[in-house]
């Protein structure tokens, strides 16, 4: 069974930055497109950004210019650098394949943006 472990969340003031990490115990990790998703309280889970196995990236409009997704295939890790954070970025953040796969959800990491 694949294990997905997200980390790096926390409490940050508006305008601050966080770097999320996600380690995946998948032998074929480098072959999969990966995505970061988020779910705010009372809302549906949504895509934040995605990255192909070779590093091509896409971003939702709210993430463009502020967030950067990257990956290190040697470490089976995908990252999300988040800058200029806003209160509306408060959510639990998850990584998964892109498109998402049912068996790939981890526990997520909570990001709270508040003064």
C-alpha atoms as a PDB file:
ATOM      1  CA  UNK A   1       0.000   0.000   0.000  1.00  0.00           C
ATOM      2  CA  UNK A   2       1.307   3.429  -0.950  1.00  0.00           C
ATOM      3  CA  UNK A   3       2.064   5.777   1.923  1.00  0.00           C
ATOM      4  CA  UNK A   4       1.784   9.513   1.471  1.00  0.00           C
ATOM      5  CA  UNK A   5       3.116  11.794   4.206  1.00  0.00           C
ATOM      6  CA  UNK A   6       2.656  15.562   4.017  1.00  0.00           C
ATOM      7  CA  UNK A   7       4.471  17.993   6.307  1.00  0.00           C
ATOM      8  CA  UNK A   8       5.450  21.626   6.659  1.00  0.00           C
ATOM      9  CA  UNK A   9       2.157  23.246   7.552  1.00  0.00           C
ATOM     10  CA  UNK A  10       1.619  25.595  10.450  1.00  0.00           C
ATOM     11  CA  UNK A  11       0.404  28.997  11.570  1.00  0.00           C
ATOM     12  CA  UNK A  12       1.713  31.936   9.571  1.00  0.00           C
ATOM     13  CA  UNK A  13       0.845  35.624   9.369  1.00  0.00           C
ATOM     14  CA  UNK A  14      -0.630  37.111   6.193  1.00  0.00           C
ATOM     15  CA  UNK A  15       2.148  37.768   3.718  1.00  0.00           C
ATOM     16  CA  UNK A  16       4.284  34.979   5.137  1.00  0.00           C
ATOM     17  CA  UNK A  17       5.660  31.847   3.518  1.00  0.00           C
ATOM     18  CA  UNK A  18       5.610  28.100   4.056  1.00  0.00           C
ATOM     19  CA  UNK A  19       7.163  25.166   2.238  1.00  0.00           C
ATOM     20  CA  UNK A  20       5.171  21.960   2.211  1.00  0.00           C
ATOM     21  CA  UNK A  21       6.729  18.562   1.541  1.00  0.00           C
ATOM     22  CA  UNK A  22       5.165  15.273   0.566  1.00  0.00           C
ATOM     23  CA  UNK A  23       7.010  11.964   0.613  1.00  0.00           C
ATOM     24  CA  UNK A  24       5.488   9.094  -1.344  1.00  0.00           C
ATOM     25  CA  UNK A  25       6.453   5.437  -0.875  1.00  0.00           C
ATOM     26  CA  UNK A  26       5.863   4.591  -4.531  1.00  0.00           C
ATOM     27  CA  UNK A  27       8.522   2.748  -6.502  1.00  0.00           C
ATOM     28  CA  UNK A  28       7.325   4.307  -9.748  1.00  0.00           C
ATOM     29  CA  UNK A  29       6.964   7.815  -8.291  1.00  0.00           C
ATOM     30  CA  UNK A  30       8.915   9.440 -11.107  1.00  0.00           C
ATOM     31  CA  UNK A  31       6.371   8.212 -13.651  1.00  0.00           C
ATOM     32  CA  UNK A  32       3.370   9.824 -12.007  1.00  0.00           C
ATOM     33  CA  UNK A  33       2.034  13.309 -12.428  1.00  0.00           C
ATOM     34  CA  UNK A  34       1.505  14.729  -8.950  1.00  0.00           C
ATOM     35  CA  UNK A  35      -0.683  17.454  -7.520  1.00  0.00           C
ATOM     36  CA  UNK A  36      -1.188  19.493  -4.392  1.00  0.00           C
ATOM     37  CA  UNK A  37      -4.789  19.872  -3.291  1.00  0.00           C
ATOM     38  CA  UNK A  38      -6.424  21.764  -0.450  1.00  0.00           C
ATOM     39  CA  UNK A  39      -9.667  21.640   1.463  1.00  0.00           C
ATOM     40  CA  UNK A  40     -10.921  24.500   3.562  1.00  0.00           C
ATOM     41  CA  UNK A  41     -13.494  23.956   6.286  1.00  0.00           C
ATOM     42  CA  UNK A  42     -16.936  23.475   4.784  1.00  0.00           C
ATOM     43  CA  UNK A  43     -15.643  23.489   1.210  1.00  0.00           C
ATOM     44  CA  UNK A  44     -14.808  20.890  -1.397  1.00  0.00           C
ATOM     45  CA  UNK A  45     -11.275  19.752  -1.987  1.00  0.00           C
ATOM     46  CA  UNK A  46      -9.656  21.652  -4.846  1.00  0.00           C
ATOM     47  CA  UNK A  47      -6.529  21.404  -6.947  1.00  0.00           C
ATOM     48  CA  UNK A  48      -3.771  23.902  -6.206  1.00  0.00           C
ATOM     49  CA  UNK A  49      -1.051  22.902  -8.675  1.00  0.00           C
ATOM     50  CA  UNK A  50       0.247  19.907 -10.584  1.00  0.00           C
ATOM     51  CA  UNK A  51       3.575  18.710 -11.928  1.00  0.00           C
ATOM     52  CA  UNK A  52       4.420  16.036 -14.467  1.00  0.00           C
ATOM     53  CA  UNK A  53       7.096  13.435 -13.917  1.00  0.00           C
ATOM     54  CA  UNK A  54       9.476  15.514 -16.018  1.00  0.00           C
ATOM     55  CA  UNK A  55       8.695  18.759 -14.202  1.00  0.00           C
ATOM     56  CA  UNK A  56       6.094  20.614 -16.257  1.00  0.00           C
ATOM     57  CA  UNK A  57       3.879  22.604 -13.924  1.00  0.00           C
ATOM     58  CA  UNK A  58       0.354  24.027 -13.949  1.00  0.00           C
ATOM     59  CA  UNK A  59      -1.359  26.252 -11.387  1.00  0.00           C
ATOM     60  CA  UNK A  60      -4.872  27.244 -10.486  1.00  0.00           C
ATOM     61  CA  UNK A  61      -5.477  30.959 -10.874  1.00  0.00           C
ATOM     62  CA  UNK A  62      -5.352  31.673  -7.135  1.00  0.00           C
ATOM     63  CA  UNK A  63      -1.901  30.063  -6.917  1.00  0.00           C
ATOM     64  CA  UNK A  64      -0.257  31.690  -9.917  1.00  0.00           C
ATOM     65  CA  UNK A  65       2.596  33.993  -8.991  1.00  0.00           C
ATOM     66  CA  UNK A  66       2.515  32.997  -5.308  1.00  0.00           C
ATOM     67  CA  UNK A  67       2.960  29.210  -5.168  1.00  0.00           C
ATOM     68  CA  UNK A  68       5.615  27.005  -6.742  1.00  0.00           C
ATOM     69  CA  UNK A  69       5.333  23.237  -7.084  1.00  0.00           C
ATOM     70  CA  UNK A  70       8.462  21.156  -7.568  1.00  0.00           C
ATOM     71  CA  UNK A  71       9.639  17.592  -7.136  1.00  0.00           C
ATOM     72  CA  UNK A  72      12.746  15.568  -6.409  1.00  0.00           C
ATOM     73  CA  UNK A  73      12.288  12.151  -7.979  1.00  0.00           C
ATOM     74  CA  UNK A  74      15.409  10.804  -6.259  1.00  0.00           C
ATOM     75  CA  UNK A  75      13.739  11.503  -2.916  1.00  0.00           C
ATOM     76  CA  UNK A  76      10.184  10.570  -3.935  1.00  0.00           C
ATOM     77  CA  UNK A  77       9.182  14.020  -2.747  1.00  0.00           C
ATOM     78  CA  UNK A  78       6.985  16.794  -4.090  1.00  0.00           C
ATOM     79  CA  UNK A  79       7.116  20.316  -2.652  1.00  0.00           C
ATOM     80  CA  UNK A  80       4.858  23.341  -2.550  1.00  0.00           C
ATOM     81  CA  UNK A  81       6.494  26.674  -1.830  1.00  0.00           C
ATOM     82  CA  UNK A  82       3.820  29.154  -0.784  1.00  0.00           C
ATOM     83  CA  UNK A  83       4.581  32.868  -0.608  1.00  0.00           C
ATOM     84  CA  UNK A  84       2.435  35.940   0.047  1.00  0.00           C
ATOM     85  CA  UNK A  85      -0.030  33.817   1.959  1.00  0.00           C
ATOM     86  CA  UNK A  86      -3.552  35.122   2.522  1.00  0.00           C
ATOM     87  CA  UNK A  87      -6.185  34.193   5.116  1.00  0.00           C
ATOM     88  CA  UNK A  88      -8.184  32.519   2.348  1.00  0.00           C
ATOM     89  CA  UNK A  89      -5.297  30.074   1.859  1.00  0.00           C
ATOM     90  CA  UNK A  90      -6.184  28.527   5.218  1.00  0.00           C
ATOM     91  CA  UNK A  91      -6.906  24.856   4.568  1.00  0.00           C
ATOM     92  CA  UNK A  92      -5.654  21.322   4.938  1.00  0.00           C
ATOM     93  CA  UNK A  93      -3.196  20.629   2.126  1.00  0.00           C
ATOM     94  CA  UNK A  94      -2.771  17.219   0.533  1.00  0.00           C
ATOM     95  CA  UNK A  95      -0.666  15.744  -2.222  1.00  0.00           C
ATOM     96  CA  UNK A  96      -1.858  13.016  -4.549  1.00  0.00           C
ATOM     97  CA  UNK A  97      -1.445  11.849  -8.073  1.00  0.00           C
ATOM     98  CA  UNK A  98      -2.884  14.097 -10.767  1.00  0.00           C
ATOM     99  CA  UNK A  99      -5.658  13.333 -11.425  1.00  0.00           C
ATOM    100  CA  UNK A 100      -6.093  12.138  -7.858  1.00  0.00           C
ATOM    101  CA  UNK A 101      -6.202   8.466  -6.926  1.00  0.00           C
ATOM    102  CA  UNK A 102      -8.370   7.145  -4.116  1.00  0.00           C
ATOM    103  CA  UNK A 103      -5.584   5.155  -2.490  1.00  0.00           C
ATOM    104  CA  UNK A 104      -3.141   8.044  -2.425  1.00  0.00           C
ATOM    105  CA  UNK A 105      -4.680  10.371   0.166  1.00  0.00           C
ATOM    106  CA  UNK A 106      -2.471  11.061   3.182  1.00  0.00           C
ATOM    107  CA  UNK A 107      -3.369  12.820   6.420  1.00  0.00           C
ATOM    108  CA  UNK A 108      -2.628  16.232   4.989  1.00  0.00           C
ATOM    109  CA  UNK A 109      -0.945  19.175   6.648  1.00  0.00           C
ATOM    110  CA  UNK A 110      -2.852  22.132   8.072  1.00  0.00           C
ATOM    111  CA  UNK A 111      -2.019  25.641   6.943  1.00  0.00           C
ATOM    112  CA  UNK A 112      -3.513  28.513   8.920  1.00  0.00           C
ATOM    113  CA  UNK A 113      -2.962  32.088   7.809  1.00  0.00           C
ATOM    114  CA  UNK A 114      -3.946  34.519  10.514  1.00  0.00           C
ATOM    115  CA  UNK A 115      -2.665  37.555  12.349  1.00  0.00           C
END
